[in-house]
Amino acid sequence: MLHYYSHPEDRKITKQKLNQLGCSYLAFGVFDIDSICIEIQRPGGALVNPPILSNDKKLEVAYCNDNEGNFLEIVEVL
């Protein structure tokens, strides 16, 4: 996590809403979705849903929040 030492932020970290203005989430293609989901949770992130298989069985997709509340989409092409 990055932060400014010269101008500390006192507000509590909150999870972002999907319908907020601006960038609402980031998407990442990964090679091992299960291990990435574990790594996101290690510093305090949380899964919105565990990896699920797409209807065409070509992708696994998980949604989560990182430890700063940013919404992430994690995708593995099978």
N, C-alpha and C. Protein backbone atom coordinates (compact mmCIF):
# COMPACT_ATOMS: atom_id res chain seq x y z
N MET A 1 0.85 -1.17 0.00
CA MET A 1 0.00 0.00 0.00
C MET A 1 0.89 1.23 0.00
N LEU A 2 0.55 2.21 -0.82
CA LEU A 2 1.28 3.47 -0.88
C LEU A 2 0.49 4.54 -0.15
N HIS A 3 1.21 5.43 0.51
CA HIS A 3 0.56 6.57 1.14
C HIS A 3 1.56 7.71 1.29
N TYR A 4 1.05 8.92 1.48
CA TYR A 4 1.89 10.10 1.65
C TYR A 4 2.19 10.31 3.12
N TYR A 5 3.46 10.41 3.45
CA TYR A 5 3.86 10.69 4.84
C TYR A 5 3.66 12.17 5.15
N SER A 6 3.84 13.05 4.16
CA SER A 6 3.74 14.49 4.39
C SER A 6 2.30 14.97 4.56
N HIS A 7 1.34 14.21 4.02
CA HIS A 7 -0.08 14.59 4.12
C HIS A 7 -0.90 13.35 4.45
N PRO A 8 -0.80 12.88 5.69
CA PRO A 8 -1.53 11.65 6.02
C PRO A 8 -3.04 11.83 5.88
N GLU A 9 -3.68 10.78 5.44
CA GLU A 9 -5.14 10.77 5.28
C GLU A 9 -5.75 10.13 6.51
N ASP A 10 -6.71 10.82 7.12
CA ASP A 10 -7.31 10.33 8.34
C ASP A 10 -8.60 9.56 8.12
N ARG A 11 -9.15 9.59 6.91
CA ARG A 11 -10.43 8.92 6.71
C ARG A 11 -10.25 7.41 6.63
N LYS A 12 -11.30 6.71 7.01
CA LYS A 12 -11.29 5.26 6.99
C LYS A 12 -11.44 4.76 5.55
N ILE A 13 -10.74 3.68 5.22
CA ILE A 13 -10.85 3.08 3.89
C ILE A 13 -12.22 2.41 3.78
N THR A 14 -12.94 2.71 2.71
CA THR A 14 -14.25 2.11 2.47
C THR A 14 -14.26 1.44 1.10
N LYS A 15 -15.11 0.47 0.93
CA LYS A 15 -15.24 -0.22 -0.36
C LYS A 15 -15.95 0.69 -1.35
N GLN A 16 -15.46 0.67 -2.58
CA GLN A 16 -16.03 1.50 -3.63
C GLN A 16 -17.34 0.89 -4.14
N LYS A 17 -18.24 1.75 -4.61
CA LYS A 17 -19.49 1.28 -5.22
C LYS A 17 -19.26 1.08 -6.71
N LEU A 18 -19.89 0.06 -7.27
CA LEU A 18 -19.73 -0.21 -8.70
C LEU A 18 -20.31 0.90 -9.57
N ASN A 19 -21.29 1.63 -9.08
CA ASN A 19 -21.92 2.65 -9.91
C ASN A 19 -21.40 4.05 -9.63
N GLN A 20 -20.25 4.18 -8.98
CA GLN A 20 -19.70 5.50 -8.69
C GLN A 20 -19.15 6.12 -9.97
N LEU A 21 -19.05 7.45 -9.99
CA LEU A 21 -18.46 8.13 -11.13
C LEU A 21 -16.96 7.89 -11.15
N GLY A 22 -16.38 7.84 -12.32
CA GLY A 22 -14.95 7.60 -12.44
C GLY A 22 -14.68 6.12 -12.64
N CYS A 23 -13.45 5.73 -12.39
CA CYS A 23 -13.06 4.33 -12.55
C CYS A 23 -13.72 3.50 -11.47
N SER A 24 -14.57 2.57 -11.86
CA SER A 24 -15.28 1.79 -10.85
C SER A 24 -14.60 0.48 -10.50
N TYR A 25 -13.79 -0.08 -11.42
CA TYR A 25 -13.08 -1.30 -11.09
C TYR A 25 -11.94 -1.53 -12.08
N LEU A 26 -11.04 -2.43 -11.71
CA LEU A 26 -9.94 -2.84 -12.57
C LEU A 26 -10.10 -4.32 -12.86
N ALA A 27 -9.74 -4.73 -14.07
CA ALA A 27 -9.80 -6.14 -14.45
C ALA A 27 -8.40 -6.63 -14.79
N PHE A 28 -8.09 -7.86 -14.34
CA PHE A 28 -6.78 -8.45 -14.57
C PHE A 28 -6.93 -9.86 -15.11
N GLY A 29 -6.16 -10.18 -16.14
CA GLY A 29 -6.05 -11.55 -16.63
C GLY A 29 -4.91 -12.23 -15.88
N VAL A 30 -5.15 -13.41 -15.36
CA VAL A 30 -4.14 -14.12 -14.56
C VAL A 30 -4.00 -15.57 -15.03
N PHE A 31 -2.93 -16.22 -14.60
CA PHE A 31 -2.69 -17.62 -14.96
C PHE A 31 -3.17 -18.60 -13.90
N ASP A 32 -3.32 -18.16 -12.65
CA ASP A 32 -3.74 -19.05 -11.56
C ASP A 32 -4.69 -18.28 -10.64
N ILE A 33 -5.96 -18.29 -10.98
CA ILE A 33 -6.95 -17.47 -10.28
C ILE A 33 -7.07 -17.83 -8.80
N ASP A 34 -6.94 -19.10 -8.48
CA ASP A 34 -7.07 -19.51 -7.07
C ASP A 34 -5.97 -18.91 -6.21
N SER A 35 -4.73 -18.95 -6.69
CA SER A 35 -3.64 -18.39 -5.89
C SER A 35 -3.72 -16.87 -5.81
N ILE A 36 -4.18 -16.22 -6.86
CA ILE A 36 -4.33 -14.76 -6.84
C ILE A 36 -5.41 -14.36 -5.83
N CYS A 37 -6.50 -15.10 -5.79
CA CYS A 37 -7.57 -14.80 -4.81
C CYS A 37 -7.04 -14.93 -3.38
N ILE A 38 -6.20 -15.91 -3.13
CA ILE A 38 -5.59 -16.07 -1.81
C ILE A 38 -4.69 -14.87 -1.50
N GLU A 39 -3.89 -14.45 -2.48
CA GLU A 39 -2.97 -13.32 -2.28
C GLU A 39 -3.72 -12.02 -2.04
N ILE A 40 -4.85 -11.82 -2.68
CA ILE A 40 -5.65 -10.61 -2.46
C ILE A 40 -6.19 -10.57 -1.03
N GLN A 41 -6.55 -11.72 -0.50
CA GLN A 41 -7.10 -11.78 0.86
C GLN A 41 -6.02 -11.65 1.94
N ARG A 42 -4.78 -12.02 1.63
CA ARG A 42 -3.70 -12.03 2.62
C ARG A 42 -3.52 -10.68 3.33
N PRO A 43 -3.46 -9.54 2.61
CA PRO A 43 -3.28 -8.25 3.30
C PRO A 43 -4.58 -7.59 3.73
N GLY A 44 -5.71 -8.30 3.62
CA GLY A 44 -6.97 -7.73 4.08
C GLY A 44 -8.01 -7.52 3.01
N GLY A 45 -7.75 -7.97 1.78
CA GLY A 45 -8.76 -7.90 0.73
C GLY A 45 -9.85 -8.94 0.97
N ALA A 46 -10.91 -8.89 0.19
CA ALA A 46 -12.03 -9.81 0.39
C ALA A 46 -12.63 -10.24 -0.93
N LEU A 47 -13.05 -11.48 -1.01
CA LEU A 47 -13.74 -11.98 -2.19
C LEU A 47 -15.21 -11.56 -2.16
N VAL A 48 -15.70 -11.08 -3.29
CA VAL A 48 -17.14 -10.86 -3.45
C VAL A 48 -17.78 -12.19 -3.83
N ASN A 49 -17.10 -12.91 -4.71
CA ASN A 49 -17.51 -14.28 -5.05
C ASN A 49 -16.26 -15.10 -5.36
N PRO A 50 -16.28 -16.39 -5.04
CA PRO A 50 -15.15 -17.25 -5.42
C PRO A 50 -15.12 -17.40 -6.94
N PRO A 51 -14.02 -17.89 -7.50
CA PRO A 51 -13.96 -18.08 -8.95
C PRO A 51 -15.10 -18.98 -9.44
N ILE A 52 -15.77 -18.52 -10.49
CA ILE A 52 -16.85 -19.30 -11.10
C ILE A 52 -16.54 -19.52 -12.57
N LEU A 53 -17.00 -20.62 -13.10
CA LEU A 53 -16.79 -21.00 -14.49
C LEU A 53 -17.83 -20.33 -15.37
N SER A 54 -17.39 -19.73 -16.48
CA SER A 54 -18.34 -19.12 -17.41
C SER A 54 -19.18 -20.20 -18.07
N ASN A 55 -20.31 -19.79 -18.64
CA ASN A 55 -21.23 -20.75 -19.28
C ASN A 55 -20.56 -21.53 -20.40
N ASP A 56 -19.64 -20.90 -21.14
CA ASP A 56 -18.96 -21.60 -22.23
C ASP A 56 -17.73 -22.38 -21.76
N LYS A 57 -17.47 -22.35 -20.45
CA LYS A 57 -16.38 -23.09 -19.81
C LYS A 57 -14.99 -22.68 -20.31
N LYS A 58 -14.87 -21.43 -20.78
CA LYS A 58 -13.59 -20.94 -21.28
C LYS A 58 -12.89 -20.00 -20.29
N LEU A 59 -13.62 -19.54 -19.30
CA LEU A 59 -13.08 -18.58 -18.34
C LEU A 59 -13.48 -18.94 -16.92
N GLU A 60 -12.64 -18.56 -15.98
CA GLU A 60 -13.04 -18.51 -14.57
C GLU A 60 -12.92 -17.05 -14.16
N VAL A 61 -13.92 -16.57 -13.43
CA VAL A 61 -13.98 -15.16 -13.06
C VAL A 61 -14.30 -15.03 -11.57
N ALA A 62 -13.59 -14.12 -10.91
CA ALA A 62 -13.87 -13.79 -9.51
C ALA A 62 -13.90 -12.28 -9.38
N TYR A 63 -14.74 -11.79 -8.50
CA TYR A 63 -14.77 -10.38 -8.15
C TYR A 63 -14.35 -10.25 -6.70
N CYS A 64 -13.62 -9.18 -6.40
CA CYS A 64 -13.13 -8.99 -5.04
C CYS A 64 -12.83 -7.51 -4.79
N ASN A 65 -12.54 -7.21 -3.54
CA ASN A 65 -12.06 -5.89 -3.15
C ASN A 65 -10.65 -6.05 -2.63
N ASP A 66 -9.75 -5.16 -3.05
CA ASP A 66 -8.41 -5.21 -2.47
C ASP A 66 -8.45 -4.62 -1.06
N ASN A 67 -7.31 -4.55 -0.39
CA ASN A 67 -7.28 -4.09 0.99
C ASN A 67 -7.57 -2.60 1.14
N GLU A 68 -7.67 -1.87 0.03
CA GLU A 68 -8.04 -0.45 0.08
C GLU A 68 -9.47 -0.22 -0.40
N GLY A 69 -10.20 -1.30 -0.65
CA GLY A 69 -11.60 -1.19 -1.05
C GLY A 69 -11.84 -1.08 -2.54
N ASN A 70 -10.79 -1.12 -3.35
CA ASN A 70 -10.96 -1.05 -4.80
C ASN A 70 -11.56 -2.35 -5.32
N PHE A 71 -12.49 -2.24 -6.25
CA PHE A 71 -13.18 -3.40 -6.82
C PHE A 71 -12.34 -3.97 -7.94
N LEU A 72 -12.08 -5.27 -7.91
CA LEU A 72 -11.25 -5.95 -8.90
C LEU A 72 -12.00 -7.11 -9.54
N GLU A 73 -11.78 -7.29 -10.84
CA GLU A 73 -12.28 -8.47 -11.56
C GLU A 73 -11.06 -9.27 -11.95
N ILE A 74 -11.02 -10.53 -11.56
CA ILE A 74 -9.90 -11.41 -11.85
C ILE A 74 -10.38 -12.49 -12.82
N VAL A 75 -9.67 -12.65 -13.95
CA VAL A 75 -10.10 -13.56 -15.01
C VAL A 75 -8.96 -14.49 -15.39
N GLU A 76 -9.27 -15.79 -15.46
CA GLU A 76 -8.31 -16.77 -15.98
C GLU A 76 -8.92 -17.41 -17.22
N VAL A 77 -8.18 -17.35 -18.34
CA VAL A 77 -8.60 -18.04 -19.56
C VAL A 77 -8.14 -19.49 -19.44
N LEU A 78 -9.08 -20.41 -19.61
CA LEU A 78 -8.77 -21.84 -19.46
C LEU A 78 -8.34 -22.46 -20.77
